[in-house]
Amino acid sequence: MQLQDAARQLTAGVQSLAAAGRGQPPDLAIRAAGELFALKNDIASARAMTDGPGIPDLGDARLWESLSTALDRAGNQLLNLILHLVKIKNWWLSGQAAAGVPHDGQASLLVQLG
């Protein structure tokens, strides 16, 4: 329940930041992104303890999916907000998508903020 409560609080905070719009300093949104990353790691660790080979089904698969969906949505909102709040100094795209092969493999996007 602690992870679920943390996810609710974080997603509510992200919604408030998004509602505040572009006139705010980026610090809070960037901090929220760090918290989101940490929470996603905590959830992945907890999920690994309850969902794997030799571990009896605890019936929590829907919980993990629900949390993942909510945090993915919050992450998208944060990314959109941060990109409007900061100045992008430079960016790089690498991987197969950079070579012009859409949706095949993985790509990395590195954004340098200035």
C-alpha atoms as a PDB file:
ATOM      1  CA  MET A   1       0.000   0.000   0.000  1.00  0.00           C
ATOM      2  CA  GLN A   2       2.915   2.396   0.599  1.00  0.00           C
ATOM      3  CA  LEU A   3       3.949   2.249  -3.055  1.00  0.00           C
ATOM      4  CA  GLN A   4       0.363   2.767  -4.170  1.00  0.00           C
ATOM      5  CA  ASP A   5       0.012   5.782  -1.863  1.00  0.00           C
ATOM      6  CA  ALA A   6       3.324   7.199  -3.068  1.00  0.00           C
ATOM      7  CA  ALA A   7       2.191   6.768  -6.682  1.00  0.00           C
ATOM      8  CA  ARG A   8      -1.102   8.549  -5.964  1.00  0.00           C
ATOM      9  CA  GLN A   9       0.676  11.456  -4.281  1.00  0.00           C
ATOM     10  CA  LEU A  10       3.230  11.753  -7.057  1.00  0.00           C
ATOM     11  CA  THR A  11       0.668  11.615  -9.866  1.00  0.00           C
ATOM     12  CA  ALA A  12      -1.465  14.225  -8.069  1.00  0.00           C
ATOM     13  CA  GLY A  13       1.605  16.445  -7.724  1.00  0.00           C
ATOM     14  CA  VAL A  14       2.416  16.027 -11.406  1.00  0.00           C
ATOM     15  CA  GLN A  15      -1.149  16.965 -12.336  1.00  0.00           C
ATOM     16  CA  SER A  16      -0.849  20.108 -10.197  1.00  0.00           C
ATOM     17  CA  LEU A  17       2.449  21.020 -11.837  1.00  0.00           C
ATOM     18  CA  ALA A  18       0.972  20.462 -15.294  1.00  0.00           C
ATOM     19  CA  ALA A  19      -2.066  22.585 -14.399  1.00  0.00           C
ATOM     20  CA  ALA A  20       0.217  25.420 -13.245  1.00  0.00           C
ATOM     21  CA  GLY A  21       1.550  25.579 -16.788  1.00  0.00           C
ATOM     22  CA  ARG A  22       4.555  27.250 -18.311  1.00  0.00           C
ATOM     23  CA  GLY A  23       5.047  30.219 -15.986  1.00  0.00           C
ATOM     24  CA  GLN A  24       6.812  28.263 -13.236  1.00  0.00           C
ATOM     25  CA  PRO A  25      10.486  27.556 -12.684  1.00  0.00           C
ATOM     26  CA  PRO A  26      11.475  24.054 -13.871  1.00  0.00           C
ATOM     27  CA  ASP A  27      12.971  22.961 -10.534  1.00  0.00           C
ATOM     28  CA  LEU A  28       9.824  21.338  -9.141  1.00  0.00           C
ATOM     29  CA  ALA A  29       9.104  19.437 -12.348  1.00  0.00           C
ATOM     30  CA  ILE A  30      12.688  18.203 -12.565  1.00  0.00           C
ATOM     31  CA  ARG A  31      12.593  17.111  -8.919  1.00  0.00           C
ATOM     32  CA  ALA A  32       9.303  15.305  -9.557  1.00  0.00           C
ATOM     33  CA  ALA A  33      10.933  13.507 -12.495  1.00  0.00           C
ATOM     34  CA  GLY A  34      13.654  12.243 -10.161  1.00  0.00           C
ATOM     35  CA  GLU A  35      11.033  11.078  -7.670  1.00  0.00           C
ATOM     36  CA  LEU A  36       9.129   9.355 -10.468  1.00  0.00           C
ATOM     37  CA  PHE A  37      12.264   7.523 -11.594  1.00  0.00           C
ATOM     38  CA  ALA A  38      13.001   6.373  -8.023  1.00  0.00           C
ATOM     39  CA  LEU A  39       9.413   5.245  -7.465  1.00  0.00           C
ATOM     40  CA  LYS A  40       9.377   3.272 -10.713  1.00  0.00           C
ATOM     41  CA  ASN A  41      12.556   1.500  -9.560  1.00  0.00           C
ATOM     42  CA  ASP A  42      10.980   0.735  -6.158  1.00  0.00           C
ATOM     43  CA  ILE A  43       7.896  -0.662  -7.867  1.00  0.00           C
ATOM     44  CA  ALA A  44      10.004  -2.801 -10.204  1.00  0.00           C
ATOM     45  CA  SER A  45      11.894  -4.208  -7.209  1.00  0.00           C
ATOM     46  CA  ALA A  46       8.684  -4.978  -5.321  1.00  0.00           C
ATOM     47  CA  ARG A  47       7.145  -6.542  -8.391  1.00  0.00           C
ATOM     48  CA  ALA A  48      10.192  -8.767  -8.871  1.00  0.00           C
ATOM     49  CA  MET A  49       9.730 -10.077  -5.316  1.00  0.00           C
ATOM     50  CA  THR A  50       6.100 -11.014  -5.915  1.00  0.00           C
ATOM     51  CA  ASP A  51       6.075 -12.004  -9.570  1.00  0.00           C
ATOM     52  CA  GLY A  52       8.568 -14.510 -10.842  1.00  0.00           C
ATOM     53  CA  PRO A  53       9.427 -18.162 -11.370  1.00  0.00           C
ATOM     54  CA  GLY A  54       8.688 -20.265  -8.326  1.00  0.00           C
ATOM     55  CA  ILE A  55       6.757 -17.496  -6.591  1.00  0.00           C
ATOM     56  CA  PRO A  56       3.089 -18.258  -5.995  1.00  0.00           C
ATOM     57  CA  ASP A  57       0.657 -15.880  -7.718  1.00  0.00           C
ATOM     58  CA  LEU A  58      -0.373 -13.288  -5.154  1.00  0.00           C
ATOM     59  CA  GLY A  59      -3.013 -11.766  -7.399  1.00  0.00           C
ATOM     60  CA  ASP A  60      -1.278  -8.408  -7.576  1.00  0.00           C
ATOM     61  CA  ALA A  61      -0.656  -8.274 -11.322  1.00  0.00           C
ATOM     62  CA  ARG A  62      -3.469  -5.727 -11.793  1.00  0.00           C
ATOM     63  CA  LEU A  63      -1.940  -3.525  -9.098  1.00  0.00           C
ATOM     64  CA  TRP A  64       1.439  -3.480 -10.851  1.00  0.00           C
ATOM     65  CA  GLU A  65      -0.167  -2.736 -14.214  1.00  0.00           C
ATOM     66  CA  SER A  66      -2.290   0.024 -12.722  1.00  0.00           C
ATOM     67  CA  LEU A  67       0.711   1.646 -11.057  1.00  0.00           C
ATOM     68  CA  SER A  68       2.809   1.356 -14.207  1.00  0.00           C
ATOM     69  CA  THR A  69       0.087   2.924 -16.336  1.00  0.00           C
ATOM     70  CA  ALA A  70      -0.419   5.820 -13.910  1.00  0.00           C
ATOM     71  CA  LEU A  71       3.311   6.500 -13.619  1.00  0.00           C
ATOM     72  CA  ASP A  72       3.840   6.269 -17.379  1.00  0.00           C
ATOM     73  CA  ARG A  73       1.083   8.840 -17.863  1.00  0.00           C
ATOM     74  CA  ALA A  74       2.631  11.075 -15.182  1.00  0.00           C
ATOM     75  CA  GLY A  75       6.033  10.684 -16.838  1.00  0.00           C
ATOM     76  CA  ASN A  76       4.631  11.796 -20.175  1.00  0.00           C
ATOM     77  CA  GLN A  77       3.030  14.827 -18.533  1.00  0.00           C
ATOM     78  CA  LEU A  78       6.300  15.701 -16.808  1.00  0.00           C
ATOM     79  CA  LEU A  79       8.359  15.341 -19.959  1.00  0.00           C
ATOM     80  CA  ASN A  80       5.970  17.591 -21.858  1.00  0.00           C
ATOM     81  CA  LEU A  81       6.030  20.166 -19.053  1.00  0.00           C
ATOM     82  CA  ILE A  82       9.812  20.102 -18.623  1.00  0.00           C
ATOM     83  CA  LEU A  83      10.370  20.544 -22.350  1.00  0.00           C
ATOM     84  CA  HIS A  84       8.235  23.704 -22.191  1.00  0.00           C
ATOM     85  CA  LEU A  85       9.926  25.033 -19.047  1.00  0.00           C
ATOM     86  CA  VAL A  86      13.587  24.645 -19.960  1.00  0.00           C
ATOM     87  CA  LYS A  87      15.757  25.750 -22.817  1.00  0.00           C
ATOM     88  CA  ILE A  88      17.133  22.850 -24.854  1.00  0.00           C
ATOM     89  CA  LYS A  89      20.776  23.497 -25.635  1.00  0.00           C
ATOM     90  CA  ASN A  90      21.373  20.419 -27.771  1.00  0.00           C
ATOM     91  CA  TRP A  91      20.012  16.924 -28.378  1.00  0.00           C
ATOM     92  CA  TRP A  92      21.198  13.586 -29.781  1.00  0.00           C
ATOM     93  CA  LEU A  93      19.359  10.530 -31.017  1.00  0.00           C
ATOM     94  CA  SER A  94      21.198   7.229 -31.179  1.00  0.00           C
ATOM     95  CA  GLY A  95      20.293   3.631 -31.861  1.00  0.00           C
ATOM     96  CA  GLN A  96      18.399   1.959 -34.659  1.00  0.00           C
ATOM     97  CA  ALA A  97      15.659   4.586 -34.783  1.00  0.00           C
ATOM     98  CA  ALA A  98      18.342   7.178 -35.492  1.00  0.00           C
ATOM     99  CA  ALA A  99      19.335   5.119 -38.531  1.00  0.00           C
ATOM    100  CA  GLY A 100      15.844   5.508 -39.963  1.00  0.00           C
ATOM    101  CA  VAL A 101      14.368   2.181 -38.871  1.00  0.00           C
ATOM    102  CA  PRO A 102      11.174   3.095 -36.989  1.00  0.00           C
ATOM    103  CA  HIS A 103       9.921   0.886 -34.137  1.00  0.00           C
ATOM    104  CA  ASP A 104      12.747  -1.624 -34.508  1.00  0.00           C
ATOM    105  CA  GLY A 105      14.866  -2.130 -31.424  1.00  0.00           C
ATOM    106  CA  GLN A 106      15.599   0.725 -29.092  1.00  0.00           C
ATOM    107  CA  ALA A 107      16.763   4.293 -29.416  1.00  0.00           C
ATOM    108  CA  SER A 108      18.128   6.773 -26.925  1.00  0.00           C
ATOM    109  CA  LEU A 109      17.378  10.470 -26.798  1.00  0.00           C
ATOM    110  CA  LEU A 110      19.823  12.644 -24.870  1.00  0.00           C
ATOM    111  CA  VAL A 111      18.759  16.227 -24.230  1.00  0.00           C
ATOM    112  CA  GLN A 112      21.238  18.796 -22.920  1.00  0.00           C
ATOM    113  CA  LEU A 113      19.547  21.584 -21.037  1.00  0.00           C
ATOM    114  CA  GLY A 114      21.022  25.033 -21.057  1.00  0.00           C
END
